[in-house]
C-alpha cells in the first residue's frame, strides 16, 4: 500500500536545450506539450527560458507549499531547478551544507538542497542523494544543463533529440507532441523504440 501511494506522488518536468541559440522559438510548443502532463502537477506550473534553453514544470505540492515554486532559483539566479521526486535525507544534507560550506537557504524543502549540493559538490551531488528523483539544473553562468535520475527510475526522465536540440521530459507523450508538432521532425521518429 505504501508503494502505491508513493508512486502516485508526481510532478511533471519538461526541458529543452537548443543546438543553436534559438530556444525561444520552441517556447510556445513546449508550453503546449507541458499542458499534456498537467495531471502530474495540478497545483501550479512555471516556465523559464532564454536563448539556449526552455524549462517548464507542473507541480504537485507536497513539501514547502509556499516557497518551493519551480523552476526554482538558487545563488542569485545562477542555478535553476526542475525536480520531480523526494529526497529522504535532505535535512541531513542541508545541515552538512550549512556546516561545511555556509550554504544559505530561502526555502524549507528538499528542492533547494539539491541546488546547494550541486553548487558545492558538482555532479557528484547525485551520489549523496537518497530518495526517488529526476531533475534538471540549468547553470545560467556556465550555460550547462545537468540532468539526473535515480537508479530505479520510478521518477522517469525521457530524452529526445532532433535538429533543434535535445528535449527532456517526465512523459513520452509530451516529447511525442514536440516531435510531431510544428518544427518537429516526426519523420525521423523511431516509433519501434517507444
N, C-alpha and C. Protein backbone atom coordinates (compact mmCIF):
# COMPACT_ATOMS: atom_id res chain seq x y z
N UNK A 1 0.82 -1.20 0.00
CA UNK A 1 0.00 0.00 0.00
C UNK A 1 0.86 1.25 0.00
N UNK A 2 1.91 1.26 0.79
CA UNK A 2 2.80 2.42 0.85
C UNK A 2 3.46 2.68 -0.51
N UNK A 3 3.85 1.63 -1.21
CA UNK A 3 4.48 1.80 -2.52
C UNK A 3 3.49 2.43 -3.50
N UNK A 4 2.25 2.01 -3.46
CA UNK A 4 1.23 2.57 -4.33
C UNK A 4 1.05 4.06 -4.09
N UNK A 5 0.97 4.47 -2.86
CA UNK A 5 0.81 5.89 -2.54
C UNK A 5 2.04 6.68 -2.99
N UNK A 6 3.23 6.16 -2.71
CA UNK A 6 4.45 6.86 -3.08
C UNK A 6 4.55 7.03 -4.58
N UNK A 7 4.20 6.00 -5.34
CA UNK A 7 4.35 6.10 -6.79
C UNK A 7 3.33 7.05 -7.40
N UNK A 8 2.27 7.39 -6.67
CA UNK A 8 1.27 8.32 -7.19
C UNK A 8 1.67 9.78 -6.99
N UNK A 9 2.67 10.03 -6.16
CA UNK A 9 3.13 11.40 -5.91
C UNK A 9 4.02 11.81 -7.07
N UNK A 10 3.52 12.71 -7.90
CA UNK A 10 4.25 13.05 -9.11
C UNK A 10 4.22 14.55 -9.37
N UNK A 11 5.20 14.97 -10.12
CA UNK A 11 5.22 16.29 -10.73
C UNK A 11 5.63 16.05 -12.18
N UNK A 12 5.57 17.07 -12.99
CA UNK A 12 5.96 16.92 -14.39
C UNK A 12 6.96 17.97 -14.80
N UNK A 13 8.04 17.53 -15.43
CA UNK A 13 9.03 18.47 -15.92
C UNK A 13 9.22 18.28 -17.41
N UNK A 14 9.59 19.36 -18.07
CA UNK A 14 9.86 19.35 -19.50
C UNK A 14 10.91 20.41 -19.77
N UNK A 15 11.97 20.02 -20.45
CA UNK A 15 13.05 20.96 -20.73
C UNK A 15 13.56 20.82 -22.15
N UNK A 16 14.23 21.85 -22.62
CA UNK A 16 14.81 21.87 -23.96
C UNK A 16 16.14 22.59 -23.92
N UNK A 17 17.15 22.00 -24.56
CA UNK A 17 18.46 22.62 -24.72
C UNK A 17 18.72 22.77 -26.21
N UNK A 18 18.85 24.00 -26.66
CA UNK A 18 18.98 24.33 -28.08
C UNK A 18 20.37 24.03 -28.62
N UNK A 19 20.43 23.62 -29.88
CA UNK A 19 21.71 23.43 -30.57
C UNK A 19 22.32 24.74 -31.03
N UNK A 20 21.44 25.75 -31.26
CA UNK A 20 21.91 26.93 -31.98
C UNK A 20 21.43 28.27 -31.42
N UNK A 21 21.02 28.30 -30.15
CA UNK A 21 20.62 29.57 -29.56
C UNK A 21 19.24 30.06 -29.95
N UNK A 22 18.38 29.17 -30.43
CA UNK A 22 17.04 29.57 -30.85
C UNK A 22 15.96 28.92 -29.98
N UNK A 23 16.26 28.75 -28.72
CA UNK A 23 15.32 28.07 -27.81
C UNK A 23 13.99 28.81 -27.70
N UNK A 24 14.01 30.13 -27.78
CA UNK A 24 12.76 30.88 -27.64
C UNK A 24 11.74 30.52 -28.70
N UNK A 25 12.20 30.03 -29.84
CA UNK A 25 11.28 29.61 -30.91
C UNK A 25 10.49 28.36 -30.52
N UNK A 26 10.95 27.62 -29.54
CA UNK A 26 10.31 26.38 -29.10
C UNK A 26 9.41 26.63 -27.88
N UNK A 27 9.51 27.80 -27.29
CA UNK A 27 8.82 28.11 -26.03
C UNK A 27 7.33 27.80 -26.06
N UNK A 28 6.61 28.26 -27.04
CA UNK A 28 5.16 28.04 -27.09
C UNK A 28 4.81 26.57 -27.31
N UNK A 29 5.58 25.88 -28.15
CA UNK A 29 5.36 24.45 -28.37
C UNK A 29 5.61 23.66 -27.08
N UNK A 30 6.65 24.05 -26.36
CA UNK A 30 6.94 23.36 -25.10
C UNK A 30 5.84 23.62 -24.08
N UNK A 31 5.31 24.82 -24.02
CA UNK A 31 4.22 25.13 -23.09
C UNK A 31 2.99 24.28 -23.40
N UNK A 32 2.68 24.09 -24.68
CA UNK A 32 1.54 23.26 -25.07
C UNK A 32 1.79 21.79 -24.69
N UNK A 33 3.02 21.32 -24.91
CA UNK A 33 3.36 19.94 -24.54
C UNK A 33 3.33 19.75 -23.02
N UNK A 34 3.70 20.79 -22.29
CA UNK A 34 3.65 20.74 -20.83
C UNK A 34 2.23 20.57 -20.33
N UNK A 35 1.28 21.17 -21.02
CA UNK A 35 -0.13 21.02 -20.65
C UNK A 35 -0.59 19.56 -20.72
N UNK A 36 0.06 18.75 -21.54
CA UNK A 36 -0.30 17.33 -21.65
C UNK A 36 0.02 16.55 -20.38
N UNK A 37 0.89 17.10 -19.52
CA UNK A 37 1.18 16.41 -18.26
C UNK A 37 0.67 17.22 -17.07
N UNK A 38 -0.37 18.01 -17.30
CA UNK A 38 -0.98 18.81 -16.24
C UNK A 38 -1.47 17.93 -15.08
N UNK A 39 -1.91 16.72 -15.40
CA UNK A 39 -2.38 15.80 -14.36
C UNK A 39 -1.28 15.44 -13.37
N UNK A 40 -0.02 15.57 -13.76
CA UNK A 40 1.10 15.26 -12.87
C UNK A 40 1.31 16.37 -11.84
N UNK A 41 0.86 17.57 -12.15
CA UNK A 41 1.07 18.70 -11.26
C UNK A 41 -0.06 19.68 -11.34
N UNK A 42 -1.17 19.37 -10.71
CA UNK A 42 -2.34 20.24 -10.83
C UNK A 42 -2.27 21.53 -10.00
N UNK A 43 -1.31 21.61 -9.07
CA UNK A 43 -1.29 22.74 -8.15
C UNK A 43 -0.76 24.04 -8.75
N UNK A 44 0.27 23.94 -9.60
CA UNK A 44 0.82 25.13 -10.23
C UNK A 44 1.80 24.73 -11.33
N UNK A 45 2.15 25.70 -12.14
CA UNK A 45 3.14 25.48 -13.19
C UNK A 45 4.01 26.69 -13.34
N UNK A 46 5.16 26.51 -13.97
CA UNK A 46 6.05 27.62 -14.21
C UNK A 46 6.98 27.32 -15.36
N UNK A 47 7.48 28.37 -16.00
CA UNK A 47 8.42 28.22 -17.10
C UNK A 47 9.55 29.24 -16.97
N UNK A 48 10.63 28.94 -17.64
CA UNK A 48 11.80 29.81 -17.69
C UNK A 48 12.44 29.59 -19.05
N UNK A 49 12.90 30.65 -19.69
CA UNK A 49 13.57 30.47 -20.97
C UNK A 49 14.57 31.58 -21.24
N UNK A 50 15.54 31.23 -22.07
CA UNK A 50 16.45 32.21 -22.64
C UNK A 50 16.83 31.70 -24.04
N UNK A 51 17.89 32.19 -24.62
CA UNK A 51 18.25 31.79 -25.98
C UNK A 51 18.66 30.32 -26.09
N UNK A 52 19.17 29.74 -25.01
CA UNK A 52 19.72 28.39 -25.06
C UNK A 52 18.81 27.31 -24.50
N UNK A 53 17.83 27.66 -23.69
CA UNK A 53 17.01 26.63 -23.06
C UNK A 53 15.61 27.12 -22.75
N UNK A 54 14.72 26.14 -22.57
CA UNK A 54 13.37 26.38 -22.06
C UNK A 54 13.12 25.33 -21.00
N UNK A 55 12.66 25.75 -19.83
CA UNK A 55 12.31 24.83 -18.75
C UNK A 55 10.85 25.04 -18.38
N UNK A 56 10.12 23.95 -18.20
CA UNK A 56 8.72 24.03 -17.80
C UNK A 56 8.41 22.99 -16.74
N UNK A 57 7.48 23.32 -15.85
CA UNK A 57 7.21 22.44 -14.72
C UNK A 57 5.75 22.48 -14.32
N UNK A 58 5.21 21.32 -13.94
CA UNK A 58 3.88 21.19 -13.33
C UNK A 58 4.11 20.60 -11.95
N UNK A 59 3.58 21.27 -10.92
CA UNK A 59 3.87 20.90 -9.54
C UNK A 59 2.67 20.33 -8.81
N UNK A 60 2.92 19.23 -8.13
CA UNK A 60 2.02 18.70 -7.12
C UNK A 60 2.70 19.03 -5.79
N UNK A 61 2.14 19.96 -5.04
CA UNK A 61 2.78 20.48 -3.83
C UNK A 61 2.66 19.49 -2.68
N UNK A 62 3.81 19.06 -2.16
CA UNK A 62 3.85 18.12 -1.03
C UNK A 62 4.61 18.73 0.14
N UNK A 63 5.82 19.24 -0.14
CA UNK A 63 6.70 19.81 0.90
C UNK A 63 6.91 21.28 0.58
N UNK A 64 6.96 22.13 1.59
CA UNK A 64 7.23 23.56 1.45
C UNK A 64 6.30 24.19 0.42
N UNK A 65 5.03 24.13 0.72
CA UNK A 65 3.98 24.54 -0.21
C UNK A 65 4.09 25.98 -0.67
N UNK A 66 4.57 26.87 0.19
CA UNK A 66 4.55 28.29 -0.11
C UNK A 66 5.80 28.85 -0.79
N UNK A 67 6.95 28.14 -0.69
CA UNK A 67 8.19 28.74 -1.16
C UNK A 67 8.89 28.00 -2.30
N UNK A 68 8.65 26.73 -2.49
CA UNK A 68 9.43 25.94 -3.44
C UNK A 68 8.81 25.89 -4.84
N UNK A 69 8.47 27.05 -5.37
CA UNK A 69 7.91 27.12 -6.72
C UNK A 69 9.01 26.83 -7.75
N UNK A 70 8.62 26.17 -8.83
CA UNK A 70 9.61 25.79 -9.83
C UNK A 70 9.24 26.36 -11.19
N UNK A 71 10.25 26.65 -12.01
CA UNK A 71 11.67 26.49 -11.81
C UNK A 71 12.15 27.29 -10.57
N UNK A 72 12.97 26.62 -9.76
CA UNK A 72 13.44 27.19 -8.50
C UNK A 72 14.83 27.78 -8.67
N UNK A 73 15.02 29.07 -8.36
CA UNK A 73 16.35 29.67 -8.49
C UNK A 73 17.19 29.46 -7.23
N UNK A 74 18.51 29.55 -7.42
CA UNK A 74 19.46 29.48 -6.30
C UNK A 74 20.68 30.31 -6.67
N UNK A 75 21.35 30.83 -5.66
CA UNK A 75 22.58 31.59 -5.83
C UNK A 75 22.35 32.78 -6.77
N UNK A 76 21.38 33.63 -6.38
CA UNK A 76 21.03 34.84 -7.12
C UNK A 76 20.66 34.56 -8.58
N UNK A 77 20.02 33.42 -8.82
CA UNK A 77 19.54 33.09 -10.15
C UNK A 77 20.56 32.45 -11.06
N UNK A 78 21.73 32.09 -10.54
CA UNK A 78 22.70 31.39 -11.38
C UNK A 78 22.19 29.99 -11.73
N UNK A 79 21.65 29.29 -10.72
CA UNK A 79 21.17 27.92 -10.92
C UNK A 79 19.64 27.90 -10.88
N UNK A 80 19.06 27.05 -11.73
CA UNK A 80 17.60 26.88 -11.79
C UNK A 80 17.28 25.40 -11.81
N UNK A 81 16.28 24.99 -11.05
CA UNK A 81 15.96 23.56 -10.89
C UNK A 81 14.55 23.22 -11.31
N UNK A 82 14.43 22.08 -12.00
CA UNK A 82 13.17 21.37 -12.18
C UNK A 82 13.37 20.03 -11.47
N UNK A 83 12.45 19.68 -10.57
CA UNK A 83 12.67 18.50 -9.73
C UNK A 83 11.37 17.75 -9.52
N UNK A 84 11.40 16.47 -9.81
CA UNK A 84 10.28 15.57 -9.55
C UNK A 84 10.78 14.49 -8.61
N UNK A 85 10.17 14.39 -7.44
CA UNK A 85 10.57 13.33 -6.52
C UNK A 85 10.62 13.78 -5.08
N UNK A 86 11.40 13.04 -4.34
CA UNK A 86 11.56 13.32 -2.91
C UNK A 86 12.96 12.88 -2.49
N UNK A 87 13.65 13.76 -1.76
CA UNK A 87 14.97 13.44 -1.22
C UNK A 87 14.78 13.14 0.26
N UNK A 88 14.98 11.88 0.64
CA UNK A 88 14.70 11.45 2.01
C UNK A 88 15.70 12.02 3.02
N UNK A 89 16.95 12.21 2.61
CA UNK A 89 17.98 12.69 3.54
C UNK A 89 18.27 14.18 3.37
N UNK A 90 17.28 14.95 2.90
CA UNK A 90 17.55 16.37 2.62
C UNK A 90 17.86 17.16 3.88
N UNK A 91 17.26 16.80 5.02
CA UNK A 91 17.56 17.55 6.26
C UNK A 91 19.02 17.36 6.68
N UNK A 92 19.53 16.13 6.56
CA UNK A 92 20.93 15.87 6.90
C UNK A 92 21.87 16.58 5.93
N UNK A 93 21.54 16.53 4.64
CA UNK A 93 22.37 17.22 3.65
C UNK A 93 22.34 18.73 3.84
N UNK A 94 21.20 19.24 4.18
CA UNK A 94 21.06 20.68 4.43
C UNK A 94 21.99 21.11 5.57
N UNK A 95 21.97 20.37 6.67
CA UNK A 95 22.84 20.68 7.81
C UNK A 95 24.31 20.58 7.42
N UNK A 96 24.67 19.55 6.64
CA UNK A 96 26.04 19.39 6.20
C UNK A 96 26.48 20.54 5.30
N UNK A 97 25.63 20.96 4.40
CA UNK A 97 25.96 22.07 3.50
C UNK A 97 26.11 23.39 4.28
N UNK A 98 25.30 23.60 5.29
CA UNK A 98 25.42 24.79 6.12
C UNK A 98 26.73 24.73 6.91
N UNK A 99 26.98 23.60 7.52
CA UNK A 99 28.16 23.43 8.38
C UNK A 99 29.46 23.52 7.57
N UNK A 100 29.53 22.82 6.45
CA UNK A 100 30.78 22.71 5.70
C UNK A 100 31.01 23.83 4.69
N UNK A 101 29.93 24.43 4.18
CA UNK A 101 30.08 25.40 3.10
C UNK A 101 29.39 26.74 3.37
N UNK A 102 28.71 26.86 4.50
CA UNK A 102 28.00 28.09 4.80
C UNK A 102 26.84 28.36 3.86
N UNK A 103 26.26 27.29 3.32
CA UNK A 103 25.16 27.43 2.36
C UNK A 103 23.98 28.13 3.00
N UNK A 104 23.31 28.95 2.21
CA UNK A 104 22.11 29.64 2.65
C UNK A 104 20.89 29.05 1.96
N UNK A 105 19.74 29.14 2.63
CA UNK A 105 18.51 28.58 2.10
C UNK A 105 17.36 29.55 2.31
N UNK A 106 16.56 29.72 1.27
CA UNK A 106 15.38 30.59 1.33
C UNK A 106 14.10 29.78 1.48
N UNK A 107 14.20 28.44 1.35
CA UNK A 107 13.04 27.57 1.45
C UNK A 107 13.27 26.53 2.53
N UNK A 108 12.24 25.75 2.80
CA UNK A 108 12.35 24.69 3.79
C UNK A 108 12.28 23.29 3.18
N UNK A 109 12.24 23.21 1.86
CA UNK A 109 12.02 21.94 1.19
C UNK A 109 13.28 21.27 0.70
N UNK A 110 13.08 20.12 0.07
CA UNK A 110 14.20 19.33 -0.43
C UNK A 110 14.76 19.85 -1.75
N UNK A 111 13.98 20.59 -2.52
CA UNK A 111 14.41 21.06 -3.84
C UNK A 111 15.66 21.94 -3.75
N UNK A 112 15.64 22.90 -2.86
CA UNK A 112 16.76 23.83 -2.76
C UNK A 112 18.03 23.14 -2.28
N UNK A 113 17.88 22.07 -1.52
CA UNK A 113 19.04 21.30 -1.07
C UNK A 113 19.78 20.71 -2.27
N UNK A 114 19.03 20.26 -3.28
CA UNK A 114 19.66 19.73 -4.49
C UNK A 114 20.50 20.82 -5.15
N UNK A 115 19.97 22.02 -5.25
CA UNK A 115 20.71 23.13 -5.87
C UNK A 115 21.98 23.47 -5.10
N UNK A 116 21.87 23.55 -3.78
CA UNK A 116 23.06 23.84 -2.96
C UNK A 116 24.09 22.72 -3.08
N UNK A 117 23.62 21.48 -3.11
CA UNK A 117 24.52 20.34 -3.26
C UNK A 117 25.25 20.41 -4.61
N UNK A 118 24.52 20.77 -5.66
CA UNK A 118 25.14 20.89 -6.98
C UNK A 118 26.16 22.03 -6.99
N UNK A 119 25.82 23.13 -6.38
CA UNK A 119 26.75 24.27 -6.34
C UNK A 119 28.07 23.87 -5.67
N UNK A 120 27.99 23.14 -4.57
CA UNK A 120 29.19 22.85 -3.78
C UNK A 120 29.87 21.54 -4.14
N UNK A 121 29.14 20.56 -4.65
CA UNK A 121 29.71 19.25 -4.94
C UNK A 121 29.67 18.89 -6.42
N UNK A 122 29.10 19.75 -7.24
CA UNK A 122 29.02 19.47 -8.66
C UNK A 122 28.18 18.24 -8.96
N UNK A 123 28.51 17.57 -10.04
CA UNK A 123 27.75 16.39 -10.45
C UNK A 123 27.80 15.27 -9.41
N UNK A 124 28.81 15.30 -8.56
CA UNK A 124 28.93 14.28 -7.51
C UNK A 124 27.82 14.39 -6.46
N UNK A 125 27.05 15.46 -6.51
CA UNK A 125 25.95 15.60 -5.56
C UNK A 125 24.97 14.43 -5.66
N UNK A 126 24.84 13.87 -6.86
CA UNK A 126 23.88 12.79 -7.08
C UNK A 126 24.18 11.59 -6.18
N UNK A 127 25.44 11.30 -5.95
CA UNK A 127 25.81 10.14 -5.12
C UNK A 127 25.45 10.33 -3.65
N UNK A 128 25.16 11.55 -3.24
CA UNK A 128 24.79 11.82 -1.85
C UNK A 128 23.29 11.84 -1.62
N UNK A 129 22.52 11.88 -2.70
CA UNK A 129 21.06 11.98 -2.59
C UNK A 129 20.45 10.61 -2.35
N UNK A 130 19.60 10.51 -1.34
CA UNK A 130 18.85 9.28 -1.05
C UNK A 130 17.38 9.59 -1.28
N UNK A 131 16.79 8.90 -2.19
CA UNK A 131 15.39 9.14 -2.48
C UNK A 131 15.04 8.68 -3.86
N UNK A 132 13.91 9.17 -4.35
CA UNK A 132 13.49 8.89 -5.71
C UNK A 132 13.36 10.24 -6.40
N UNK A 133 14.03 10.40 -7.56
CA UNK A 133 14.09 11.72 -8.15
C UNK A 133 14.46 11.69 -9.62
N UNK A 134 14.07 12.73 -10.29
CA UNK A 134 14.56 13.11 -11.61
C UNK A 134 14.63 14.63 -11.58
N UNK A 135 15.73 15.19 -12.06
CA UNK A 135 15.84 16.65 -12.04
C UNK A 135 16.70 17.16 -13.17
N UNK A 136 16.51 18.44 -13.47
CA UNK A 136 17.35 19.20 -14.40
C UNK A 136 17.80 20.45 -13.68
N UNK A 137 19.08 20.78 -13.80
CA UNK A 137 19.62 22.02 -13.25
C UNK A 137 20.25 22.82 -14.39
N UNK A 138 19.81 24.06 -14.54
CA UNK A 138 20.39 24.96 -15.54
C UNK A 138 21.36 25.90 -14.82
N UNK A 139 22.62 25.90 -15.25
CA UNK A 139 23.63 26.84 -14.75
C UNK A 139 23.69 27.97 -15.77
N UNK A 140 23.08 29.10 -15.43
CA UNK A 140 22.97 30.21 -16.37
C UNK A 140 24.31 30.92 -16.62
N UNK A 141 25.27 30.72 -15.75
CA UNK A 141 26.59 31.33 -15.94
C UNK A 141 27.45 30.47 -16.87
N UNK A 142 27.53 29.18 -16.59
CA UNK A 142 28.34 28.27 -17.41
C UNK A 142 27.60 27.81 -18.66
N UNK A 143 26.27 28.06 -18.73
CA UNK A 143 25.43 27.66 -19.87
C UNK A 143 25.42 26.14 -20.01
N UNK A 144 25.23 25.44 -18.88
CA UNK A 144 25.24 23.98 -18.84
C UNK A 144 23.93 23.51 -18.24
N UNK A 145 23.34 22.48 -18.86
CA UNK A 145 22.15 21.82 -18.32
C UNK A 145 22.58 20.45 -17.83
N UNK A 146 22.40 20.20 -16.53
CA UNK A 146 22.74 18.93 -15.91
C UNK A 146 21.46 18.23 -15.50
N UNK A 147 21.35 16.98 -15.87
CA UNK A 147 20.17 16.20 -15.50
C UNK A 147 20.56 14.89 -14.86
N UNK A 148 19.71 14.41 -13.97
CA UNK A 148 19.95 13.13 -13.31
C UNK A 148 18.63 12.51 -12.88
N UNK A 149 18.66 11.21 -12.79
CA UNK A 149 17.54 10.49 -12.20
C UNK A 149 18.13 9.36 -11.40
N UNK A 150 17.41 8.94 -10.38
CA UNK A 150 17.95 7.89 -9.54
C UNK A 150 17.80 6.56 -10.26
N UNK A 151 18.49 5.57 -9.74
CA UNK A 151 18.79 4.34 -10.46
C UNK A 151 17.58 3.47 -10.78
N UNK A 152 16.54 3.45 -9.97
CA UNK A 152 15.41 2.57 -10.22
C UNK A 152 14.40 3.15 -11.21
N UNK A 153 14.40 4.44 -11.42
CA UNK A 153 13.63 5.04 -12.49
C UNK A 153 12.14 5.21 -12.26
N UNK A 154 11.66 5.15 -11.02
CA UNK A 154 10.24 5.39 -10.77
C UNK A 154 9.89 6.82 -11.18
N UNK A 155 10.80 7.73 -11.01
CA UNK A 155 10.64 9.11 -11.48
C UNK A 155 11.40 9.21 -12.81
N UNK A 156 10.70 9.09 -13.93
CA UNK A 156 11.39 8.99 -15.23
C UNK A 156 11.94 10.32 -15.73
N UNK A 157 12.90 10.22 -16.61
CA UNK A 157 13.45 11.36 -17.33
C UNK A 157 13.76 10.87 -18.74
N UNK A 158 12.83 11.08 -19.65
CA UNK A 158 12.97 10.66 -21.04
C UNK A 158 13.68 11.76 -21.83
N UNK A 159 14.36 11.37 -22.90
CA UNK A 159 15.03 12.33 -23.75
C UNK A 159 14.65 12.11 -25.22
N UNK A 160 14.74 13.18 -25.98
CA UNK A 160 14.51 13.13 -27.42
C UNK A 160 15.40 14.20 -28.05
N UNK A 161 16.11 13.83 -29.09
CA UNK A 161 16.97 14.78 -29.79
C UNK A 161 16.50 14.88 -31.24
N UNK A 162 16.39 16.11 -31.72
CA UNK A 162 16.10 16.33 -33.14
C UNK A 162 17.00 17.47 -33.63
N UNK A 163 16.72 17.99 -34.81
CA UNK A 163 17.59 19.01 -35.40
C UNK A 163 17.63 20.31 -34.60
N UNK A 164 16.64 20.54 -33.74
CA UNK A 164 16.58 21.77 -32.94
C UNK A 164 17.42 21.69 -31.68
N UNK A 165 17.57 20.48 -31.12
CA UNK A 165 18.30 20.29 -29.88
C UNK A 165 17.80 19.06 -29.14
N UNK A 166 17.94 19.06 -27.82
CA UNK A 166 17.55 17.92 -27.00
C UNK A 166 16.45 18.32 -26.04
N UNK A 167 15.41 17.48 -25.99
CA UNK A 167 14.28 17.67 -25.10
C UNK A 167 14.36 16.64 -23.97
N UNK A 168 13.87 17.03 -22.80
CA UNK A 168 13.84 16.17 -21.62
C UNK A 168 12.44 16.23 -21.03
N UNK A 169 11.91 15.11 -20.59
CA UNK A 169 10.56 15.16 -20.03
C UNK A 169 10.21 13.99 -19.14
N UNK A 170 9.18 14.21 -18.32
CA UNK A 170 8.66 13.19 -17.42
C UNK A 170 7.77 12.18 -18.14
N UNK A 171 7.24 12.58 -19.30
CA UNK A 171 6.32 11.71 -20.02
C UNK A 171 6.65 11.69 -21.51
N UNK A 172 6.51 10.50 -22.09
CA UNK A 172 6.77 10.34 -23.52
C UNK A 172 5.79 11.14 -24.37
N UNK A 173 4.53 11.23 -23.92
CA UNK A 173 3.54 11.90 -24.78
C UNK A 173 3.86 13.38 -24.98
N UNK A 174 4.48 14.02 -24.02
CA UNK A 174 4.90 15.42 -24.21
C UNK A 174 5.99 15.51 -25.26
N UNK A 175 6.93 14.56 -25.20
CA UNK A 175 8.01 14.56 -26.19
C UNK A 175 7.48 14.22 -27.58
N UNK A 176 6.52 13.31 -27.65
CA UNK A 176 5.91 12.98 -28.94
C UNK A 176 5.21 14.19 -29.55
N UNK A 177 4.52 14.96 -28.72
CA UNK A 177 3.85 16.17 -29.21
C UNK A 177 4.86 17.15 -29.79
N UNK A 178 6.03 17.24 -29.17
CA UNK A 178 7.07 18.12 -29.69
C UNK A 178 7.67 17.59 -30.98
N UNK A 179 7.80 16.27 -31.08
CA UNK A 179 8.35 15.66 -32.29
C UNK A 179 7.40 15.78 -33.47
N UNK A 180 6.10 15.65 -33.20
CA UNK A 180 5.12 15.63 -34.27
C UNK A 180 4.49 17.00 -34.54
N UNK A 181 4.75 17.96 -33.67
CA UNK A 181 4.17 19.29 -33.81
C UNK A 181 4.95 20.18 -34.75
N UNK A 182 4.58 21.47 -34.80
CA UNK A 182 5.27 22.42 -35.68
C UNK A 182 6.76 22.47 -35.37
N UNK A 183 7.57 22.40 -36.40
CA UNK A 183 9.02 22.46 -36.21
C UNK A 183 9.65 21.14 -35.85
N UNK A 184 8.85 20.15 -35.51
CA UNK A 184 9.37 18.84 -35.14
C UNK A 184 9.76 18.03 -36.35
N UNK A 185 10.56 17.02 -36.12
CA UNK A 185 11.00 16.12 -37.19
C UNK A 185 10.35 14.77 -37.01
N UNK A 186 9.03 14.73 -37.03
CA UNK A 186 8.29 13.48 -36.83
C UNK A 186 8.69 12.40 -37.80
N UNK A 187 9.16 12.78 -38.98
CA UNK A 187 9.57 11.79 -39.96
C UNK A 187 10.77 10.98 -39.47
N UNK A 188 11.57 11.57 -38.58
CA UNK A 188 12.74 10.88 -38.05
C UNK A 188 12.42 10.03 -36.82
N UNK A 189 11.18 10.05 -36.38
CA UNK A 189 10.77 9.37 -35.16
C UNK A 189 10.80 7.86 -35.34
N UNK A 190 11.50 7.17 -34.45
CA UNK A 190 11.54 5.71 -34.46
C UNK A 190 10.47 5.20 -33.50
N UNK A 191 9.28 4.90 -34.02
CA UNK A 191 8.16 4.50 -33.17
C UNK A 191 8.38 3.12 -32.56
N UNK A 192 9.25 2.30 -33.14
CA UNK A 192 9.54 0.98 -32.56
C UNK A 192 10.24 1.10 -31.21
N UNK A 193 10.99 2.16 -31.01
CA UNK A 193 11.72 2.31 -29.76
C UNK A 193 10.87 2.86 -28.63
N UNK A 194 9.63 3.25 -28.93
CA UNK A 194 8.73 3.77 -27.91
C UNK A 194 8.16 2.64 -27.10
